[in-house]
Amino acid sequence: RFCALAREVSARALDERAYDTQLKG
């Protein structure tokens, strides 16, 4: 759930949708 939240937050706050590789990191 946090990975999903992080993806949405990064896209909304920075216009950078976190890649799968970034979420694995």
PDB file of all heavy atoms in Angstrom:
ATOM      1  N   ARG A   1       0.823  -1.211   0.000  1.00  0.00           N
ATOM      2  CA  ARG A   1       0.000   0.000   0.000  1.00  0.00           C
ATOM      3  C   ARG A   1       0.856   1.259   0.000  1.00  0.00           C
ATOM      4  O   ARG A   1       0.523   2.245  -0.655  1.00  0.00           O
ATOM      5  CB  ARG A   1      -0.958  -0.007   1.204  1.00  0.00           C
ATOM      6  CG  ARG A   1      -2.136  -0.959   1.022  1.00  0.00           C
ATOM      7  CD  ARG A   1      -3.162  -0.795   2.134  1.00  0.00           C
ATOM      8  NE  ARG A   1      -3.725   0.555   2.225  1.00  0.00           N
ATOM      9  CZ  ARG A   1      -4.653   1.026   1.404  1.00  0.00           C
ATOM     10  NH1 ARG A   1      -5.120   0.288   0.417  1.00  0.00           N
ATOM     11  NH2 ARG A   1      -5.128   2.251   1.574  1.00  0.00           N
ATOM     12  N   PHE A   2       1.980   1.217   0.727  1.00  0.00           N
ATOM     13  CA  PHE A   2       2.822   2.421   0.739  1.00  0.00           C
ATOM     14  C   PHE A   2       3.470   2.642  -0.624  1.00  0.00           C
ATOM     15  O   PHE A   2       3.626   3.783  -1.049  1.00  0.00           O
ATOM     16  CB  PHE A   2       3.890   2.334   1.825  1.00  0.00           C
ATOM     17  CG  PHE A   2       4.725   3.592   1.893  1.00  0.00           C
ATOM     18  CD1 PHE A   2       4.178   4.769   2.377  1.00  0.00           C
ATOM     19  CD2 PHE A   2       6.027   3.613   1.422  1.00  0.00           C
ATOM     20  CE1 PHE A   2       4.921   5.943   2.411  1.00  0.00           C
ATOM     21  CE2 PHE A   2       6.782   4.771   1.454  1.00  0.00           C
ATOM     22  CZ  PHE A   2       6.223   5.943   1.951  1.00  0.00           C
ATOM     23  N   CYS A   3       3.875   1.570  -1.315  1.00  0.00           N
ATOM     24  CA  CYS A   3       4.434   1.728  -2.660  1.00  0.00           C
ATOM     25  C   CYS A   3       3.416   2.392  -3.587  1.00  0.00           C
ATOM     26  O   CYS A   3       3.754   3.272  -4.393  1.00  0.00           O
ATOM     27  CB  CYS A   3       4.840   0.371  -3.229  1.00  0.00           C
ATOM     28  SG  CYS A   3       6.387  -0.282  -2.566  1.00  0.00           S
ATOM     29  N   ALA A   4       2.151   1.949  -3.482  1.00  0.00           N
ATOM     30  CA  ALA A   4       1.092   2.553  -4.294  1.00  0.00           C
ATOM     31  C   ALA A   4       0.904   4.027  -3.939  1.00  0.00           C
ATOM     32  O   ALA A   4       0.756   4.890  -4.822  1.00  0.00           O
ATOM     33  CB  ALA A   4      -0.210   1.788  -4.088  1.00  0.00           C
ATOM     34  N   LEU A   5       0.899   4.317  -2.640  1.00  0.00           N
ATOM     35  CA  LEU A   5       0.781   5.705  -2.188  1.00  0.00           C
ATOM     36  C   LEU A   5       1.959   6.533  -2.683  1.00  0.00           C
ATOM     37  O   LEU A   5       1.787   7.664  -3.167  1.00  0.00           O
ATOM     38  CB  LEU A   5       0.719   5.737  -0.657  1.00  0.00           C
ATOM     39  CG  LEU A   5       0.737   7.128  -0.017  1.00  0.00           C
ATOM     40  CD1 LEU A   5      -0.589   7.831  -0.243  1.00  0.00           C
ATOM     41  CD2 LEU A   5       1.049   7.040   1.470  1.00  0.00           C
ATOM     42  N   ALA A   6       3.164   5.981  -2.577  1.00  0.00           N
ATOM     43  CA  ALA A   6       4.370   6.701  -2.999  1.00  0.00           C
ATOM     44  C   ALA A   6       4.322   7.028  -4.483  1.00  0.00           C
ATOM     45  O   ALA A   6       4.727   8.121  -4.910  1.00  0.00           O
ATOM     46  CB  ALA A   6       5.606   5.852  -2.688  1.00  0.00           C
ATOM     47  N   ARG A   7       3.818   6.089  -5.283  1.00  0.00           N
ATOM     48  CA  ARG A   7       3.717   6.338  -6.729  1.00  0.00           C
ATOM     49  C   ARG A   7       2.768   7.495  -7.013  1.00  0.00           C
ATOM     50  O   ARG A   7       3.060   8.379  -7.833  1.00  0.00           O
ATOM     51  CB  ARG A   7       3.260   5.062  -7.426  1.00  0.00           C
ATOM     52  CG  ARG A   7       2.966   5.224  -8.909  1.00  0.00           C
ATOM     53  CD  ARG A   7       2.837   3.872  -9.581  1.00  0.00           C
ATOM     54  NE  ARG A   7       4.149   3.336  -9.891  1.00  0.00           N
ATOM     55  CZ  ARG A   7       4.377   2.072 -10.259  1.00  0.00           C
ATOM     56  NH1 ARG A   7       3.373   1.206 -10.294  1.00  0.00           N
ATOM     57  NH2 ARG A   7       5.587   1.671 -10.559  1.00  0.00           N
ATOM     58  N   GLU A   8       1.629   7.522  -6.332  1.00  0.00           N
ATOM     59  CA  GLU A   8       0.662   8.596  -6.550  1.00  0.00           C
ATOM     60  C   GLU A   8       1.201   9.934  -6.042  1.00  0.00           C
ATOM     61  O   GLU A   8       1.049  10.968  -6.705  1.00  0.00           O
ATOM     62  CB  GLU A   8      -0.655   8.264  -5.847  1.00  0.00           C
ATOM     63  CG  GLU A   8      -1.717   9.353  -5.935  1.00  0.00           C
ATOM     64  CD  GLU A   8      -2.116   9.662  -7.368  1.00  0.00           C
ATOM     65  OE1 GLU A   8      -1.987   8.784  -8.248  1.00  0.00           O
ATOM     66  OE2 GLU A   8      -2.573  10.801  -7.614  1.00  0.00           O
ATOM     67  N   VAL A   9       1.848   9.932  -4.880  1.00  0.00           N
ATOM     68  CA  VAL A   9       2.381  11.172  -4.309  1.00  0.00           C
ATOM     69  C   VAL A   9       3.476  11.754  -5.199  1.00  0.00           C
ATOM     70  O   VAL A   9       3.517  12.966  -5.452  1.00  0.00           O
ATOM     71  CB  VAL A   9       2.921  10.920  -2.887  1.00  0.00           C
ATOM     72  CG1 VAL A   9       3.757  12.104  -2.415  1.00  0.00           C
ATOM     73  CG2 VAL A   9       1.770  10.675  -1.920  1.00  0.00           C
ATOM     74  N   SER A  10       4.392  10.915  -5.686  1.00  0.00           N
ATOM     75  CA  SER A  10       5.488  11.424  -6.527  1.00  0.00           C
ATOM     76  C   SER A  10       4.947  12.013  -7.822  1.00  0.00           C
ATOM     77  O   SER A  10       5.440  13.032  -8.312  1.00  0.00           O
ATOM     78  CB  SER A  10       6.498  10.316  -6.813  1.00  0.00           C
ATOM     79  OG  SER A  10       5.915   9.257  -7.558  1.00  0.00           O
ATOM     80  N   ALA A  11       3.918  11.361  -8.385  1.00  0.00           N
ATOM     81  CA  ALA A  11       3.329  11.884  -9.616  1.00  0.00           C
ATOM     82  C   ALA A  11       2.632  13.214  -9.371  1.00  0.00           C
ATOM     83  O   ALA A  11       2.720  14.150 -10.181  1.00  0.00           O
ATOM     84  CB  ALA A  11       2.339  10.869 -10.189  1.00  0.00           C
ATOM     85  N   ARG A  12       1.940  13.316  -8.231  1.00  0.00           N
ATOM     86  CA  ARG A  12       1.162  14.518  -7.943  1.00  0.00           C
ATOM     87  C   ARG A  12       2.051  15.674  -7.477  1.00  0.00           C
ATOM     88  O   ARG A  12       1.823  16.831  -7.854  1.00  0.00           O
ATOM     89  CB  ARG A  12       0.110  14.191  -6.880  1.00  0.00           C
ATOM     90  CG  ARG A  12      -1.018  15.184  -6.806  1.00  0.00           C
ATOM     91  CD  ARG A  12      -2.077  14.749  -5.806  1.00  0.00           C
ATOM     92  NE  ARG A  12      -2.776  13.521  -6.179  1.00  0.00           N
ATOM     93  CZ  ARG A  12      -3.860  13.066  -5.562  1.00  0.00           C
ATOM     94  NH1 ARG A  12      -4.369  13.759  -4.543  1.00  0.00           N
ATOM     95  NH2 ARG A  12      -4.430  11.934  -5.941  1.00  0.00           N
ATOM     96  N   ALA A  13       3.063  15.385  -6.661  1.00  0.00           N
ATOM     97  CA  ALA A  13       3.894  16.453  -6.082  1.00  0.00           C
ATOM     98  C   ALA A  13       5.019  16.903  -7.002  1.00  0.00           C
ATOM     99  O   ALA A  13       5.384  18.081  -7.018  1.00  0.00           O
ATOM    100  CB  ALA A  13       4.482  15.979  -4.753  1.00  0.00           C
ATOM    101  N   LEU A  14       5.577  15.958  -7.775  1.00  0.00           N
ATOM    102  CA  LEU A  14       6.759  16.274  -8.589  1.00  0.00           C
ATOM    103  C   LEU A  14       6.551  16.026 -10.075  1.00  0.00           C
ATOM    104  O   LEU A  14       7.470  16.265 -10.867  1.00  0.00           O
ATOM    105  CB  LEU A  14       7.957  15.438  -8.115  1.00  0.00           C
ATOM    106  CG  LEU A  14       8.384  15.588  -6.652  1.00  0.00           C
ATOM    107  CD1 LEU A  14       9.503  14.602  -6.348  1.00  0.00           C
ATOM    108  CD2 LEU A  14       8.833  17.012  -6.359  1.00  0.00           C
ATOM    109  N   ASP A  15       5.387  15.523 -10.447  1.00  0.00           N
ATOM    110  CA  ASP A  15       5.132  15.123 -11.835  1.00  0.00           C
ATOM    111  C   ASP A  15       6.137  14.058 -12.280  1.00  0.00           C
ATOM    112  O   ASP A  15       6.585  14.042 -13.424  1.00  0.00           O
ATOM    113  CB  ASP A  15       5.201  16.341 -12.768  1.00  0.00           C
ATOM    114  CG  ASP A  15       4.551  16.050 -14.121  1.00  0.00           C
ATOM    115  OD1 ASP A  15       3.684  15.153 -14.183  1.00  0.00           O
ATOM    116  OD2 ASP A  15       4.930  16.699 -15.111  1.00  0.00           O
ATOM    117  N   GLU A  16       6.501  13.178 -11.339  1.00  0.00           N
ATOM    118  CA  GLU A  16       7.420  12.071 -11.631  1.00  0.00           C
ATOM    119  C   GLU A  16       6.795  10.787 -11.081  1.00  0.00           C
ATOM    120  O   GLU A  16       6.850  10.535  -9.881  1.00  0.00           O
ATOM    121  CB  GLU A  16       8.792  12.289 -10.980  1.00  0.00           C
ATOM    122  CG  GLU A  16       9.572  13.455 -11.539  1.00  0.00           C
ATOM    123  CD  GLU A  16      10.951  13.566 -10.900  1.00  0.00           C
ATOM    124  OE1 GLU A  16      11.429  12.569 -10.318  1.00  0.00           O
ATOM    125  OE2 GLU A  16      11.543  14.662 -10.966  1.00  0.00           O
ATOM    126  N   ARG A  17       6.212  10.002 -11.942  1.00  0.00           N
ATOM    127  CA  ARG A  17       5.587   8.761 -11.503  1.00  0.00           C
ATOM    128  C   ARG A  17       6.676   7.717 -11.271  1.00  0.00           C
ATOM    129  O   ARG A  17       7.408   7.357 -12.186  1.00  0.00           O
ATOM    130  CB  ARG A  17       4.598   8.263 -12.558  1.00  0.00           C
ATOM    131  CG  ARG A  17       3.780   7.045 -12.133  1.00  0.00           C
ATOM    132  CD  ARG A  17       2.769   6.700 -13.230  1.00  0.00           C
ATOM    133  NE  ARG A  17       1.884   5.620 -12.799  1.00  0.00           N
ATOM    134  CZ  ARG A  17       2.170   4.331 -12.932  1.00  0.00           C
ATOM    135  NH1 ARG A  17       3.327   3.962 -13.468  1.00  0.00           N
ATOM    136  NH2 ARG A  17       1.309   3.414 -12.527  1.00  0.00           N
ATOM    137  N   ALA A  18       6.810   7.263 -10.040  1.00  0.00           N
ATOM    138  CA  ALA A  18       7.902   6.349  -9.686  1.00  0.00           C
ATOM    139  C   ALA A  18       7.832   5.067 -10.507  1.00  0.00           C
ATOM    140  O   ALA A  18       6.774   4.454 -10.645  1.00  0.00           O
ATOM    141  CB  ALA A  18       7.839   6.023  -8.192  1.00  0.00           C
ATOM    142  N   TYR A  19       8.979   4.676 -11.069  1.00  0.00           N
ATOM    143  CA  TYR A  19       9.065   3.426 -11.826  1.00  0.00           C
ATOM    144  C   TYR A  19       8.996   2.231 -10.872  1.00  0.00           C
ATOM    145  O   TYR A  19       9.211   2.351  -9.661  1.00  0.00           O
ATOM    146  CB  TYR A  19      10.401   3.340 -12.575  1.00  0.00           C
ATOM    147  CG  TYR A  19      10.685   4.465 -13.526  1.00  0.00           C
ATOM    148  CD1 TYR A  19      11.927   5.096 -13.515  1.00  0.00           C
ATOM    149  CD2 TYR A  19       9.738   4.890 -14.453  1.00  0.00           C
ATOM    150  CE1 TYR A  19      12.225   6.128 -14.399  1.00  0.00           C
ATOM    151  CE2 TYR A  19      10.015   5.925 -15.335  1.00  0.00           C
ATOM    152  CZ  TYR A  19      11.260   6.543 -15.304  1.00  0.00           C
ATOM    153  OH  TYR A  19      11.538   7.547 -16.169  1.00  0.00           O
ATOM    154  N   ASP A  20       8.753   1.048 -11.446  1.00  0.00           N
ATOM    155  CA  ASP A  20       8.802  -0.172 -10.640  1.00  0.00           C
ATOM    156  C   ASP A  20      10.176  -0.346 -10.002  1.00  0.00           C
ATOM    157  O   ASP A  20      10.288  -0.801  -8.856  1.00  0.00           O
ATOM    158  CB  ASP A  20       8.484  -1.399 -11.507  1.00  0.00           C
ATOM    159  CG  ASP A  20       7.005  -1.483 -11.867  1.00  0.00           C
ATOM    160  OD1 ASP A  20       6.208  -0.749 -11.250  1.00  0.00           O
ATOM    161  OD2 ASP A  20       6.661  -2.279 -12.759  1.00  0.00           O
ATOM    162  N   THR A  21      11.234   0.007 -10.761  1.00  0.00           N
ATOM    163  CA  THR A  21      12.592  -0.144 -10.217  1.00  0.00           C
ATOM    164  C   THR A  21      12.797   0.761  -9.010  1.00  0.00           C
ATOM    165  O   THR A  21      13.454   0.371  -8.037  1.00  0.00           O
ATOM    166  CB  THR A  21      13.636   0.181 -11.298  1.00  0.00           C
ATOM    167  OG1 THR A  21      13.329   1.458 -11.895  1.00  0.00           O
ATOM    168  CG2 THR A  21      13.640  -0.882 -12.380  1.00  0.00           C
ATOM    169  N   GLN A  22      12.223   1.959  -9.050  1.00  0.00           N
ATOM    170  CA  GLN A  22      12.352   2.866  -7.912  1.00  0.00           C
ATOM    171  C   GLN A  22      11.579   2.338  -6.705  1.00  0.00           C
ATOM    172  O   GLN A  22      12.034   2.453  -5.568  1.00  0.00           O
ATOM    173  CB  GLN A  22      11.868   4.262  -8.293  1.00  0.00           C
ATOM    174  CG  GLN A  22      12.802   4.971  -9.278  1.00  0.00           C
ATOM    175  CD  GLN A  22      12.249   6.303  -9.725  1.00  0.00           C
ATOM    176  OE1 GLN A  22      11.145   6.373 -10.265  1.00  0.00           O
ATOM    177  NE2 GLN A  22      12.995   7.369  -9.498  1.00  0.00           N
ATOM    178  N   LEU A  23      10.412   1.762  -6.961  1.00  0.00           N
ATOM    179  CA  LEU A  23       9.635   1.204  -5.853  1.00  0.00           C
ATOM    180  C   LEU A  23      10.342   0.002  -5.237  1.00  0.00           C
ATOM    181  O   LEU A  23      10.265  -0.215  -4.022  1.00  0.00           O
ATOM    182  CB  LEU A  23       8.237   0.808  -6.337  1.00  0.00           C
ATOM    183  CG  LEU A  23       7.334   1.966  -6.791  1.00  0.00           C
ATOM    184  CD1 LEU A  23       5.957   1.443  -7.183  1.00  0.00           C
ATOM    185  CD2 LEU A  23       7.205   3.040  -5.711  1.00  0.00           C
ATOM    186  N   LYS A  24      11.043  -0.787  -6.055  1.00  0.00           N
ATOM    187  CA  LYS A  24      11.808  -1.894  -5.489  1.00  0.00           C
ATOM    188  C   LYS A  24      12.930  -1.353  -4.594  1.00  0.00           C
ATOM    189  O   LYS A  24      13.203  -1.885  -3.515  1.00  0.00           O
ATOM    190  CB  LYS A  24      12.400  -2.777  -6.584  1.00  0.00           C
ATOM    191  CG  LYS A  24      13.141  -3.987  -6.006  1.00  0.00           C
ATOM    192  CD  LYS A  24      13.585  -4.966  -7.071  1.00  0.00           C
ATOM    193  CE  LYS A  24      14.264  -6.182  -6.431  1.00  0.00           C
ATOM    194  NZ  LYS A  24      14.692  -7.191  -7.430  1.00  0.00           N
ATOM    195  N   GLY A  25      13.574  -0.275  -5.039  1.00  0.00           N
ATOM    196  CA  GLY A  25      14.588   0.362  -4.197  1.00  0.00           C
ATOM    197  C   GLY A  25      13.990   0.876  -2.908  1.00  0.00           C
ATOM    198  O   GLY A  25      14.599   0.788  -1.838  1.00  0.00           O
TER     199      GLY A  25
END
